[in-house]
PDB file of N, CA and C in Angstrom:
ATOM      1  N   MET A   1     -17.938  -5.427   6.820  1.00  0.00           N
ATOM      2  CA  MET A   1     -16.840  -5.362   5.874  1.00  0.00           C
ATOM      3  C   MET A   1     -15.848  -6.499   6.142  1.00  0.00           C
ATOM      4  N   GLN A   2     -15.502  -6.685   7.433  1.00  0.00           N
ATOM      5  CA  GLN A   2     -14.543  -7.735   7.761  1.00  0.00           C
ATOM      6  C   GLN A   2     -15.097  -9.111   7.416  1.00  0.00           C
ATOM      7  N   GLN A   3     -16.393  -9.317   7.626  1.00  0.00           N
ATOM      8  CA  GLN A   3     -17.004 -10.590   7.302  1.00  0.00           C
ATOM      9  C   GLN A   3     -16.939 -10.849   5.794  1.00  0.00           C
ATOM     10  N   MET A   4     -17.198  -9.818   4.993  1.00  0.00           N
ATOM     11  CA  MET A   4     -17.128  -9.952   3.541  1.00  0.00           C
ATOM     12  C   MET A   4     -15.702 -10.300   3.104  1.00  0.00           C
ATOM     13  N   MET A   5     -14.736  -9.614   3.691  1.00  0.00           N
ATOM     14  CA  MET A   5     -13.334  -9.890   3.363  1.00  0.00           C
ATOM     15  C   MET A   5     -12.988 -11.329   3.743  1.00  0.00           C
ATOM     16  N   LYS A   6     -13.455 -11.784   4.908  1.00  0.00           N
ATOM     17  CA  LYS A   6     -13.186 -13.132   5.389  1.00  0.00           C
ATOM     18  C   LYS A   6     -13.770 -14.157   4.418  1.00  0.00           C
ATOM     19  N   GLN A   7     -14.990 -13.902   3.927  1.00  0.00           N
ATOM     20  CA  GLN A   7     -15.631 -14.806   2.978  1.00  0.00           C
ATOM     21  C   GLN A   7     -14.843 -14.898   1.679  1.00  0.00           C
ATOM     22  N   MET A   8     -14.167 -13.821   1.304  1.00  0.00           N
ATOM     23  CA  MET A   8     -13.363 -13.825   0.084  1.00  0.00           C
ATOM     24  C   MET A   8     -11.966 -14.371   0.332  1.00  0.00           C
ATOM     25  N   GLY A   9     -11.696 -14.789   1.568  1.00  0.00           N
ATOM     26  CA  GLY A   9     -10.378 -15.336   1.887  1.00  0.00           C
ATOM     27  C   GLY A   9      -9.328 -14.281   2.123  1.00  0.00           C
ATOM     28  N   ILE A  10      -9.741 -13.081   2.526  1.00  0.00           N
ATOM     29  CA  ILE A  10      -8.804 -11.987   2.759  1.00  0.00           C
ATOM     30  C   ILE A  10      -8.803 -11.638   4.246  1.00  0.00           C
ATOM     31  N   ASP A  11      -7.635 -11.729   4.869  1.00  0.00           N
ATOM     32  CA  ASP A  11      -7.476 -11.331   6.263  1.00  0.00           C
ATOM     33  C   ASP A  11      -6.692 -10.027   6.303  1.00  0.00           C
ATOM     34  N   VAL A  12      -7.174  -9.059   7.092  1.00  0.00           N
ATOM     35  CA  VAL A  12      -6.504  -7.768   7.215  1.00  0.00           C
ATOM     36  C   VAL A  12      -6.158  -7.544   8.678  1.00  0.00           C
ATOM     37  N   ASP A  13      -4.894  -7.211   8.940  1.00  0.00           N
ATOM     38  CA  ASP A  13      -4.422  -6.950  10.293  1.00  0.00           C
ATOM     39  C   ASP A  13      -3.563  -5.701  10.299  1.00  0.00           C
ATOM     40  N   GLU A  14      -3.474  -5.080  11.467  1.00  0.00           N
ATOM     41  CA  GLU A  14      -2.571  -3.948  11.666  1.00  0.00           C
ATOM     42  C   GLU A  14      -1.252  -4.502  12.209  1.00  0.00           C
ATOM     43  N   LEU A  15      -0.149  -3.891  11.823  1.00  0.00           N
ATOM     44  CA  LEU A  15       1.175  -4.296  12.288  1.00  0.00           C
ATOM     45  C   LEU A  15       1.786  -3.131  13.045  1.00  0.00           C
ATOM     46  N   ASP A  16       2.256  -3.385  14.244  1.00  0.00           N
ATOM     47  CA  ASP A  16       2.856  -2.345  15.062  1.00  0.00           C
ATOM     48  C   ASP A  16       4.352  -2.284  14.758  1.00  0.00           C
ATOM     49  N   ALA A  17       4.826  -1.156  14.261  1.00  0.00           N
ATOM     50  CA  ALA A  17       6.243  -0.999  13.921  1.00  0.00           C
ATOM     51  C   ALA A  17       6.700   0.402  14.299  1.00  0.00           C
ATOM     52  N   GLU A  18       7.964   0.510  14.661  1.00  0.00           N
ATOM     53  CA  GLU A  18       8.545   1.798  15.009  1.00  0.00           C
ATOM     54  C   GLU A  18       9.127   2.500  13.794  1.00  0.00           C
ATOM     55  N   GLU A  19       9.630   1.708  12.824  1.00  0.00           N
ATOM     56  CA  GLU A  19      10.297   2.307  11.675  1.00  0.00           C
ATOM     57  C   GLU A  19      10.255   1.339  10.498  1.00  0.00           C
ATOM     58  N   VAL A  20      10.103   1.894   9.303  1.00  0.00           N
ATOM     59  CA  VAL A  20      10.198   1.132   8.065  1.00  0.00           C
ATOM     60  C   VAL A  20      11.218   1.848   7.187  1.00  0.00           C
ATOM     61  N   VAL A  21      12.166   1.079   6.654  1.00  0.00           N
ATOM     62  CA  VAL A  21      13.195   1.644   5.783  1.00  0.00           C
ATOM     63  C   VAL A  21      13.095   0.965   4.418  1.00  0.00           C
ATOM     64  N   ILE A  22      12.965   1.766   3.380  1.00  0.00           N
ATOM     65  CA  ILE A  22      12.962   1.267   2.009  1.00  0.00           C
ATOM     66  C   ILE A  22      14.232   1.782   1.353  1.00  0.00           C
ATOM     67  N   THR A  23      15.067   0.863   0.884  1.00  0.00           N
ATOM     68  CA  THR A  23      16.305   1.246   0.210  1.00  0.00           C
ATOM     69  C   THR A  23      16.084   1.123  -1.292  1.00  0.00           C
ATOM     70  N   LYS A  24      16.200   2.243  -1.982  1.00  0.00           N
ATOM     71  CA  LYS A  24      16.001   2.276  -3.419  1.00  0.00           C
ATOM     72  C   LYS A  24      17.256   1.785  -4.133  1.00  0.00           C
ATOM     73  N   SER A  25      17.127   1.464  -5.412  1.00  0.00           N
ATOM     74  CA  SER A  25      18.242   0.914  -6.179  1.00  0.00           C
ATOM     75  C   SER A  25      19.429   1.868  -6.262  1.00  0.00           C
ATOM     76  N   ASP A  26      19.198   3.181  -6.121  1.00  0.00           N
ATOM     77  CA  ASP A  26      20.297   4.145  -6.167  1.00  0.00           C
ATOM     78  C   ASP A  26      20.942   4.349  -4.796  1.00  0.00           C
ATOM     79  N   GLY A  27      20.509   3.568  -3.803  1.00  0.00           N
ATOM     80  CA  GLY A  27      21.080   3.665  -2.459  1.00  0.00           C
ATOM     81  C   GLY A  27      20.340   4.624  -1.550  1.00  0.00           C
ATOM     82  N   GLU A  28      19.501   5.471  -2.107  1.00  0.00           N
ATOM     83  CA  GLU A  28      18.723   6.391  -1.295  1.00  0.00           C
ATOM     84  C   GLU A  28      17.733   5.596  -0.451  1.00  0.00           C
ATOM     85  N   GLN A  29      17.482   6.086   0.760  1.00  0.00           N
ATOM     86  CA  GLN A  29      16.557   5.401   1.652  1.00  0.00           C
ATOM     87  C   GLN A  29      15.359   6.285   1.978  1.00  0.00           C
ATOM     88  N   LEU A  30      14.197   5.658   2.060  1.00  0.00           N
ATOM     89  CA  LEU A  30      12.987   6.310   2.540  1.00  0.00           C
ATOM     90  C   LEU A  30      12.722   5.717   3.916  1.00  0.00           C
ATOM     91  N   VAL A  31      12.715   6.563   4.933  1.00  0.00           N
ATOM     92  CA  VAL A  31      12.552   6.096   6.309  1.00  0.00           C
ATOM     93  C   VAL A  31      11.231   6.629   6.855  1.00  0.00           C
ATOM     94  N   PHE A  32      10.365   5.712   7.260  1.00  0.00           N
ATOM     95  CA  PHE A  32       9.070   6.051   7.843  1.00  0.00           C
ATOM     96  C   PHE A  32       9.160   5.809   9.348  1.00  0.00           C
ATOM     97  N   ASP A  33       9.044   6.864  10.155  1.00  0.00           N
ATOM     98  CA  ASP A  33       9.016   6.725  11.604  1.00  0.00           C
ATOM     99  C   ASP A  33       7.578   6.581  12.068  1.00  0.00           C
ATOM    100  N   ASN A  34       7.325   5.612  12.927  1.00  0.00           N
ATOM    101  CA  ASN A  34       5.989   5.334  13.462  1.00  0.00           C
ATOM    102  C   ASN A  34       4.914   5.266  12.377  1.00  0.00           C
ATOM    103  N   PRO A  35       5.116   4.423  11.348  1.00  0.00           N
ATOM    104  CA  PRO A  35       4.134   4.345  10.265  1.00  0.00           C
ATOM    105  C   PRO A  35       2.906   3.532  10.681  1.00  0.00           C
ATOM    106  N   ASP A  36       1.828   3.729   9.948  1.00  0.00           N
ATOM    107  CA  ASP A  36       0.652   2.870  10.075  1.00  0.00           C
ATOM    108  C   ASP A  36       0.818   1.783   9.019  1.00  0.00           C
ATOM    109  N   ILE A  37       0.825   0.527   9.456  1.00  0.00           N
ATOM    110  CA  ILE A  37       1.049  -0.576   8.533  1.00  0.00           C
ATOM    111  C   ILE A  37      -0.148  -1.517   8.568  1.00  0.00           C
ATOM    112  N   THR A  38      -0.667  -1.827   7.387  1.00  0.00           N
ATOM    113  CA  THR A  38      -1.753  -2.784   7.242  1.00  0.00           C
ATOM    114  C   THR A  38      -1.216  -3.970   6.462  1.00  0.00           C
ATOM    115  N   VAL A  39      -1.481  -5.177   6.979  1.00  0.00           N
ATOM    116  CA  VAL A  39      -1.065  -6.405   6.309  1.00  0.00           C
ATOM    117  C   VAL A  39      -2.325  -7.102   5.821  1.00  0.00           C
ATOM    118  N   MET A  40      -2.373  -7.364   4.517  1.00  0.00           N
ATOM    119  CA  MET A  40      -3.512  -8.061   3.952  1.00  0.00           C
ATOM    120  C   MET A  40      -3.035  -9.405   3.413  1.00  0.00           C
ATOM    121  N   ASP A  41      -3.646 -10.489   3.899  1.00  0.00           N
ATOM    122  CA  ASP A  41      -3.316 -11.837   3.449  1.00  0.00           C
ATOM    123  C   ASP A  41      -4.473 -12.328   2.595  1.00  0.00           C
ATOM    124  N   ALA A  42      -4.245 -12.412   1.300  1.00  0.00           N
ATOM    125  CA  ALA A  42      -5.258 -12.890   0.362  1.00  0.00           C
ATOM    126  C   ALA A  42      -4.823 -14.267  -0.119  1.00  0.00           C
ATOM    127  N   ARG A  43      -5.290 -15.282   0.597  1.00  0.00           N
ATOM    128  CA  ARG A  43      -4.994 -16.681   0.260  1.00  0.00           C
ATOM    129  C   ARG A  43      -3.507 -16.953   0.128  1.00  0.00           C
ATOM    130  N   GLY A  44      -2.752 -16.536   1.126  1.00  0.00           N
ATOM    131  CA  GLY A  44      -1.322 -16.819   1.166  1.00  0.00           C
ATOM    132  C   GLY A  44      -0.441 -15.735   0.570  1.00  0.00           C
ATOM    133  N   GLN A  45      -1.003 -14.785  -0.142  1.00  0.00           N
ATOM    134  CA  GLN A  45      -0.238 -13.679  -0.723  1.00  0.00           C
ATOM    135  C   GLN A  45      -0.370 -12.480   0.199  1.00  0.00           C
ATOM    136  N   GLU A  46       0.715 -12.124   0.884  1.00  0.00           N
ATOM    137  CA  GLU A  46       0.667 -11.000   1.807  1.00  0.00           C
ATOM    138  C   GLU A  46       1.041  -9.698   1.102  1.00  0.00           C
ATOM    139  N   THR A  47       0.263  -8.659   1.393  1.00  0.00           N
ATOM    140  CA  THR A  47       0.515  -7.326   0.878  1.00  0.00           C
ATOM    141  C   THR A  47       0.628  -6.387   2.069  1.00  0.00           C
ATOM    142  N   TYR A  48       1.664  -5.560   2.078  1.00  0.00           N
ATOM    143  CA  TYR A  48       1.887  -4.616   3.167  1.00  0.00           C
ATOM    144  C   TYR A  48       1.637  -3.204   2.642  1.00  0.00           C
ATOM    145  N   GLN A  49       0.860  -2.444   3.386  1.00  0.00           N
ATOM    146  CA  GLN A  49       0.617  -1.048   3.039  1.00  0.00           C
ATOM    147  C   GLN A  49       1.215  -0.193   4.149  1.00  0.00           C
ATOM    148  N   VAL A  50       2.138   0.694   3.778  1.00  0.00           N
ATOM    149  CA  VAL A  50       2.814   1.569   4.728  1.00  0.00           C
ATOM    150  C   VAL A  50       2.301   2.988   4.507  1.00  0.00           C
ATOM    151  N   VAL A  51       1.800   3.610   5.577  1.00  0.00           N
ATOM    152  CA  VAL A  51       1.272   4.964   5.480  1.00  0.00           C
ATOM    153  C   VAL A  51       2.050   5.859   6.436  1.00  0.00           C
ATOM    154  N   GLY A  52       2.563   6.964   5.936  1.00  0.00           N
ATOM    155  CA  GLY A  52       3.306   7.915   6.744  1.00  0.00           C
ATOM    156  C   GLY A  52       4.115   8.832   5.852  1.00  0.00           C
ATOM    157  N   GLU A  53       4.770   9.788   6.465  1.00  0.00           N
ATOM    158  CA  GLU A  53       5.619  10.715   5.722  1.00  0.00           C
ATOM    159  C   GLU A  53       7.064  10.224   5.792  1.00  0.00           C
ATOM    160  N   PRO A  54       7.665   9.866   4.661  1.00  0.00           N
ATOM    161  CA  PRO A  54       9.044   9.387   4.706  1.00  0.00           C
ATOM    162  C   PRO A  54      10.060  10.523   4.796  1.00  0.00           C
ATOM    163  N   GLU A  55      11.143  10.217   5.448  1.00  0.00           N
ATOM    164  CA  GLU A  55      12.316  11.089   5.464  1.00  0.00           C
ATOM    165  C   GLU A  55      13.290  10.458   4.476  1.00  0.00           C
ATOM    166  N   THR A  56      13.900  11.259   3.625  1.00  0.00           N
ATOM    167  CA  THR A  56      14.832  10.739   2.641  1.00  0.00           C
ATOM    168  C   THR A  56      16.251  10.837   3.177  1.00  0.00           C
ATOM    169  N   ARG A  57      16.973   9.737   3.044  1.00  0.00           N
ATOM    170  CA  ARG A  57      18.384   9.699   3.453  1.00  0.00           C
ATOM    171  C   ARG A  57      19.223   9.220   2.279  1.00  0.00           C
ATOM    172  N   ASP A  58      20.452   9.743   2.208  1.00  0.00           N
ATOM    173  CA  ASP A  58      21.343   9.255   1.163  1.00  0.00           C
ATOM    174  C   ASP A  58      21.869   7.884   1.578  1.00  0.00           C
ATOM    175  N   GLY A  59      22.656   7.247   0.732  1.00  0.00           N
ATOM    176  CA  GLY A  59      23.181   5.914   1.001  1.00  0.00           C
ATOM    177  C   GLY A  59      23.994   5.814   2.272  1.00  0.00           C
ATOM    178  N   ALA A  60      24.570   6.929   2.741  1.00  0.00           N
ATOM    179  CA  ALA A  60      25.383   6.914   3.959  1.00  0.00           C
ATOM    180  C   ALA A  60      24.529   6.938   5.212  1.00  0.00           C
ATOM    181  N   GLY A  61      23.217   7.127   5.063  1.00  0.00           N
ATOM    182  CA  GLY A  61      22.336   7.107   6.218  1.00  0.00           C
ATOM    183  C   GLY A  61      22.023   8.468   6.790  1.00  0.00           C
ATOM    184  N   GLY A  62      22.639   9.533   6.296  1.00  0.00           N
ATOM    185  CA  GLY A  62      22.354  10.868   6.807  1.00  0.00           C
ATOM    186  C   GLY A  62      21.086  11.425   6.207  1.00  0.00           C
ATOM    187  N   ALA A  63      20.328  12.143   7.004  1.00  0.00           N
ATOM    188  CA  ALA A  63      19.077  12.722   6.501  1.00  0.00           C
ATOM    189  C   ALA A  63      19.403  13.846   5.531  1.00  0.00           C
ATOM    190  N   THR A  64      18.704  13.850   4.395  1.00  0.00           N
ATOM    191  CA  THR A  64      18.944  14.900   3.410  1.00  0.00           C
ATOM    192  C   THR A  64      17.739  15.798   3.217  1.00  0.00           C
ATOM    193  N   ALA A  65      16.542  15.224   3.295  1.00  0.00           N
ATOM    194  CA  ALA A  65      15.339  16.026   3.073  1.00  0.00           C
ATOM    195  C   ALA A  65      14.129  15.229   3.511  1.00  0.00           C
ATOM    196  N   VAL A  66      13.049  15.930   3.716  1.00  0.00           N
ATOM    197  CA  VAL A  66      11.781  15.271   3.980  1.00  0.00           C
ATOM    198  C   VAL A  66      10.928  15.471   2.753  1.00  0.00           C
ATOM    199  N   GLU A  67      10.428  14.351   2.216  1.00  0.00           N
ATOM    200  CA  GLU A  67       9.617  14.409   1.013  1.00  0.00           C
ATOM    201  C   GLU A  67       8.221  13.935   1.342  1.00  0.00           C
ATOM    202  N   SER A  68       7.264  14.418   0.589  1.00  0.00           N
ATOM    203  CA  SER A  68       5.923  13.872   0.711  1.00  0.00           C
ATOM    204  C   SER A  68       5.905  12.543  -0.014  1.00  0.00           C
ATOM    205  N   SER A  69       4.875  11.745   0.193  1.00  0.00           N
ATOM    206  CA  SER A  69       4.782  10.461  -0.485  1.00  0.00           C
ATOM    207  C   SER A  69       4.711  10.652  -1.998  1.00  0.00           C
ATOM    208  N   GLU A  70       4.146  11.762  -2.469  1.00  0.00           N
ATOM    209  CA  GLU A  70       4.115  12.001  -3.906  1.00  0.00           C
ATOM    210  C   GLU A  70       5.522  12.223  -4.445  1.00  0.00           C
ATOM    211  N   ASP A  71       6.350  12.970  -3.705  1.00  0.00           N
ATOM    212  CA  ASP A  71       7.719  13.225  -4.140  1.00  0.00           C
ATOM    213  C   ASP A  71       8.560  11.966  -4.071  1.00  0.00           C
ATOM    214  N   ALA A  72       8.192  11.026  -3.225  1.00  0.00           N
ATOM    215  CA  ALA A  72       8.981   9.825  -3.008  1.00  0.00           C
ATOM    216  C   ALA A  72       8.758   8.780  -4.090  1.00  0.00           C
ATOM    217  N   GLY A  73       8.111   9.137  -5.167  1.00  0.00           N
ATOM    218  CA  GLY A  73       7.941   8.216  -6.271  1.00  0.00           C
ATOM    219  C   GLY A  73       6.572   7.558  -6.268  1.00  0.00           C
ATOM    220  N   ASN A  74       5.770   7.792  -5.255  1.00  0.00           N
ATOM    221  CA  ASN A  74       4.449   7.202  -5.201  1.00  0.00           C
ATOM    222  C   ASN A  74       3.508   7.927  -6.154  1.00  0.00           C
ATOM    223  N   ALA A  75       3.644   9.218  -6.255  1.00  0.00           N
ATOM    224  CA  ALA A  75       2.841  10.066  -7.131  1.00  0.00           C
ATOM    225  C   ALA A  75       1.357   9.797  -6.984  1.00  0.00           C
ATOM    226  N   GLY A  76       0.959   9.448  -5.766  1.00  0.00           N
ATOM    227  CA  GLY A  76      -0.441   9.173  -5.529  1.00  0.00           C
ATOM    228  C   GLY A  76      -0.901   7.904  -6.210  1.00  0.00           C
ATOM    229  N   GLY A  77       0.044   7.139  -6.774  1.00  0.00           N
ATOM    230  CA  GLY A  77      -0.283   5.934  -7.522  1.00  0.00           C
ATOM    231  C   GLY A  77      -0.683   4.782  -6.627  1.00  0.00           C
ATOM    232  N   ILE A  78      -1.320   3.830  -7.223  1.00  0.00           N
ATOM    233  CA  ILE A  78      -1.774   2.630  -6.553  1.00  0.00           C
ATOM    234  C   ILE A  78      -0.834   1.496  -6.965  1.00  0.00           C
ATOM    235  N   PRO A  79      -0.334   0.715  -6.007  1.00  0.00           N
ATOM    236  CA  PRO A  79       0.551  -0.404  -6.362  1.00  0.00           C
ATOM    237  C   PRO A  79      -0.137  -1.385  -7.316  1.00  0.00           C
ATOM    238  N   ASP A  80       0.613  -1.864  -8.295  1.00  0.00           N
ATOM    239  CA  ASP A  80       0.067  -2.796  -9.277  1.00  0.00           C
ATOM    240  C   ASP A  80      -0.484  -4.055  -8.609  1.00  0.00           C
ATOM    241  N   GLU A  81       0.146  -4.486  -7.519  1.00  0.00           N
ATOM    242  CA  GLU A  81      -0.320  -5.682  -6.815  1.00  0.00           C
ATOM    243  C   GLU A  81      -1.738  -5.478  -6.278  1.00  0.00           C
ATOM    244  N   ASP A  82      -2.014  -4.281  -5.761  1.00  0.00           N
ATOM    245  CA  ASP A  82      -3.349  -3.977  -5.251  1.00  0.00           C
ATOM    246  C   ASP A  82      -4.369  -3.983  -6.381  1.00  0.00           C
ATOM    247  N   VAL A  83      -3.978  -3.423  -7.531  1.00  0.00           N
ATOM    248  CA  VAL A  83      -4.871  -3.395  -8.689  1.00  0.00           C
ATOM    249  C   VAL A  83      -5.207  -4.825  -9.112  1.00  0.00           C
ATOM    250  N   GLU A  84      -4.186  -5.688  -9.160  1.00  0.00           N
ATOM    251  CA  GLU A  84      -4.405  -7.075  -9.568  1.00  0.00           C
ATOM    252  C   GLU A  84      -5.334  -7.802  -8.601  1.00  0.00           C
ATOM    253  N   ILE A  85      -5.149  -7.575  -7.305  1.00  0.00           N
ATOM    254  CA  ILE A  85      -5.991  -8.232  -6.306  1.00  0.00           C
ATOM    255  C   ILE A  85      -7.447  -7.825  -6.489  1.00  0.00           C
ATOM    256  N   VAL A  86      -7.701  -6.527  -6.630  1.00  0.00           N
ATOM    257  CA  VAL A  86      -9.075  -6.045  -6.784  1.00  0.00           C
ATOM    258  C   VAL A  86      -9.677  -6.561  -8.102  1.00  0.00           C
ATOM    259  N   ALA A  87      -8.905  -6.541  -9.167  1.00  0.00           N
ATOM    260  CA  ALA A  87      -9.404  -7.024 -10.460  1.00  0.00           C
ATOM    261  C   ALA A  87      -9.752  -8.511 -10.391  1.00  0.00           C
ATOM    262  N   GLN A  88      -8.897  -9.303  -9.751  1.00  0.00           N
ATOM    263  CA  GLN A  88      -9.158 -10.737  -9.622  1.00  0.00           C
ATOM    264  C   GLN A  88     -10.388 -11.007  -8.768  1.00  0.00           C
ATOM    265  N   ARG A  89     -10.535 -10.287  -7.679  1.00  0.00           N
ATOM    266  CA  ARG A  89     -11.649 -10.519  -6.751  1.00  0.00           C
ATOM    267  C   ARG A  89     -12.995 -10.113  -7.344  1.00  0.00           C
ATOM    268  N   THR A  90     -12.986  -9.108  -8.212  1.00  0.00           N
ATOM    269  CA  THR A  90     -14.256  -8.576  -8.714  1.00  0.00           C
ATOM    270  C   THR A  90     -14.531  -8.929 -10.176  1.00  0.00           C
ATOM    271  N   GLY A  91     -13.516  -9.390 -10.892  1.00  0.00           N
ATOM    272  CA  GLY A  91     -13.708  -9.755 -12.293  1.00  0.00           C
ATOM    273  C   GLY A  91     -13.769  -8.575 -13.249  1.00  0.00           C
ATOM    274  N   VAL A  92     -13.294  -7.398 -12.802  1.00  0.00           N
ATOM    275  CA  VAL A  92     -13.297  -6.218 -13.672  1.00  0.00           C
ATOM    276  C   VAL A  92     -11.910  -6.044 -14.296  1.00  0.00           C
ATOM    277  N   THR A  93     -11.807  -5.101 -15.220  1.00  0.00           N
ATOM    278  CA  THR A  93     -10.510  -4.832 -15.835  1.00  0.00           C
ATOM    279  C   THR A  93      -9.590  -4.147 -14.828  1.00  0.00           C
ATOM    280  N   GLU A  94      -8.299  -4.191 -15.101  1.00  0.00           N
ATOM    281  CA  GLU A  94      -7.341  -3.530 -14.208  1.00  0.00           C
ATOM    282  C   GLU A  94      -7.563  -2.018 -14.186  1.00  0.00           C
ATOM    283  N   ASP A  95      -7.967  -1.433 -15.303  1.00  0.00           N
ATOM    284  CA  ASP A  95      -8.255   0.006 -15.337  1.00  0.00           C
ATOM    285  C   ASP A  95      -9.410   0.348 -14.399  1.00  0.00           C
ATOM    286  N   ASP A  96     -10.469  -0.474 -14.433  1.00  0.00           N
ATOM    287  CA  ASP A  96     -11.605  -0.238 -13.546  1.00  0.00           C
ATOM    288  C   ASP A  96     -11.203  -0.447 -12.087  1.00  0.00           C
ATOM    289  N   ALA A  97     -10.372  -1.456 -11.842  1.00  0.00           N
ATOM    290  CA  ALA A  97      -9.901  -1.723 -10.480  1.00  0.00           C
ATOM    291  C   ALA A  97      -9.056  -0.550  -9.976  1.00  0.00           C
ATOM    292  N   ARG A  98      -8.179  -0.034 -10.838  1.00  0.00           N
ATOM    293  CA  ARG A  98      -7.339   1.111 -10.455  1.00  0.00           C
ATOM    294  C   ARG A  98      -8.208   2.344 -10.157  1.00  0.00           C
ATOM    295  N   ASP A  99      -9.222   2.576 -10.992  1.00  0.00           N
ATOM    296  CA  ASP A  99     -10.129   3.713 -10.763  1.00  0.00           C
ATOM    297  C   ASP A  99     -10.829   3.586  -9.414  1.00  0.00           C
ATOM    298  N   ALA A 100     -11.288   2.379  -9.085  1.00  0.00           N
ATOM    299  CA  ALA A 100     -11.972   2.159  -7.802  1.00  0.00           C
ATOM    300  C   ALA A 100     -11.006   2.370  -6.640  1.00  0.00           C
ATOM    301  N   LEU A 101      -9.772   1.897  -6.779  1.00  0.00           N
ATOM    302  CA  LEU A 101      -8.773   2.083  -5.722  1.00  0.00           C
ATOM    303  C   LEU A 101      -8.438   3.558  -5.548  1.00  0.00           C
ATOM    304  N   GLU A 102      -8.320   4.283  -6.641  1.00  0.00           N
ATOM    305  CA  GLU A 102      -8.026   5.714  -6.541  1.00  0.00           C
ATOM    306  C   GLU A 102      -9.192   6.452  -5.886  1.00  0.00           C
ATOM    307  N   ALA A 103     -10.413   6.045  -6.206  1.00  0.00           N
ATOM    308  CA  ALA A 103     -11.591   6.688  -5.621  1.00  0.00           C
ATOM    309  C   ALA A 103     -11.725   6.408  -4.129  1.00  0.00           C
ATOM    310  N   THR A 104     -11.126   5.296  -3.675  1.00  0.00           N
ATOM    311  CA  THR A 104     -11.210   4.929  -2.254  1.00  0.00           C
ATOM    312  C   THR A 104      -9.876   5.138  -1.537  1.00  0.00           C
ATOM    313  N   ASP A 105      -9.007   5.948  -2.115  1.00  0.00           N
ATOM    314  CA  ASP A 105      -7.694   6.253  -1.533  1.00  0.00           C
ATOM    315  C   ASP A 105      -6.875   4.997  -1.235  1.00  0.00           C
ATOM    316  N   GLY A 106      -6.959   3.998  -2.121  1.00  0.00           N
ATOM    317  CA  GLY A 106      -6.153   2.795  -1.990  1.00  0.00           C
ATOM    318  C   GLY A 106      -6.712   1.759  -1.037  1.00  0.00           C
ATOM    319  N   ASP A 107      -7.917   1.954  -0.534  1.00  0.00           N
ATOM    320  CA  ASP A 107      -8.537   1.012   0.402  1.00  0.00           C
ATOM    321  C   ASP A 107      -9.058  -0.186  -0.390  1.00  0.00           C
ATOM    322  N   LEU A 108      -8.384  -1.336  -0.246  1.00  0.00           N
ATOM    323  CA  LEU A 108      -8.726  -2.517  -1.024  1.00  0.00           C
ATOM    324  C   LEU A 108     -10.152  -2.989  -0.770  1.00  0.00           C
ATOM    325  N   ALA A 109     -10.521  -3.082   0.493  1.00  0.00           N
ATOM    326  CA  ALA A 109     -11.860  -3.570   0.830  1.00  0.00           C
ATOM    327  C   ALA A 109     -12.939  -2.649   0.271  1.00  0.00           C
ATOM    328  N   ALA A 110     -12.748  -1.353   0.409  1.00  0.00           N
ATOM    329  CA  ALA A 110     -13.735  -0.393  -0.094  1.00  0.00           C
ATOM    330  C   ALA A 110     -13.813  -0.464  -1.616  1.00  0.00           C
ATOM    331  N   ALA A 111     -12.681  -0.661  -2.279  1.00  0.00           N
ATOM    332  CA  ALA A 111     -12.681  -0.759  -3.739  1.00  0.00           C
ATOM    333  C   ALA A 111     -13.436  -1.997  -4.201  1.00  0.00           C
ATOM    334  N   VAL A 112     -13.220  -3.118  -3.512  1.00  0.00           N
ATOM    335  CA  VAL A 112     -13.924  -4.364  -3.857  1.00  0.00           C
ATOM    336  C   VAL A 112     -15.422  -4.160  -3.648  1.00  0.00           C
ATOM    337  N   GLU A 113     -15.790  -3.584  -2.512  1.00  0.00           N
ATOM    338  CA  GLU A 113     -17.199  -3.352  -2.218  1.00  0.00           C
ATOM    339  C   GLU A 113     -17.828  -2.417  -3.268  1.00  0.00           C
ATOM    340  N   ARG A 114     -17.094  -1.420  -3.667  1.00  0.00           N
ATOM    341  CA  ARG A 114     -17.596  -0.452  -4.662  1.00  0.00           C
ATOM    342  C   ARG A 114     -17.881  -1.122  -6.005  1.00  0.00           C
ATOM    343  N   LEU A 115     -17.075  -2.118  -6.349  1.00  0.00           N
ATOM    344  CA  LEU A 115     -17.207  -2.770  -7.651  1.00  0.00           C
ATOM    345  C   LEU A 115     -18.204  -3.935  -7.661  1.00  0.00           C
ATOM    346  N   GLU A 116     -18.593  -4.397  -6.482  1.00  0.00           N
ATOM    347  CA  GLU A 116     -19.532  -5.535  -6.433  1.00  0.00           C
ATOM    348  C   GLU A 116     -20.958  -5.088  -6.385  1.00  0.00           C
TER     349      GLU A 116
END
């Protein structure tokens, strides 16, 4: 799998991080403690995938609730950037690329392999 990704010009690495904070436009923060982070470099375009359960904090930084990733606005959805990458690499429509990504739980390499 890694060799195939390398041939397509895609490098995938793990990133060691203690915390990831996403600040939404309304000031609310999603804080991921000890997340699993994958960095994919596709010919100079880096994509970061953060996996974990976020804690929701209000703009003041105080914890308000723990939400699942579905509640946090992800709704089990696949990022548009990932869909575009898979569609470009395989030459399929974005709908087909999204279906493959959903079937592989967002795994870019597996989605590309599934479509080739």
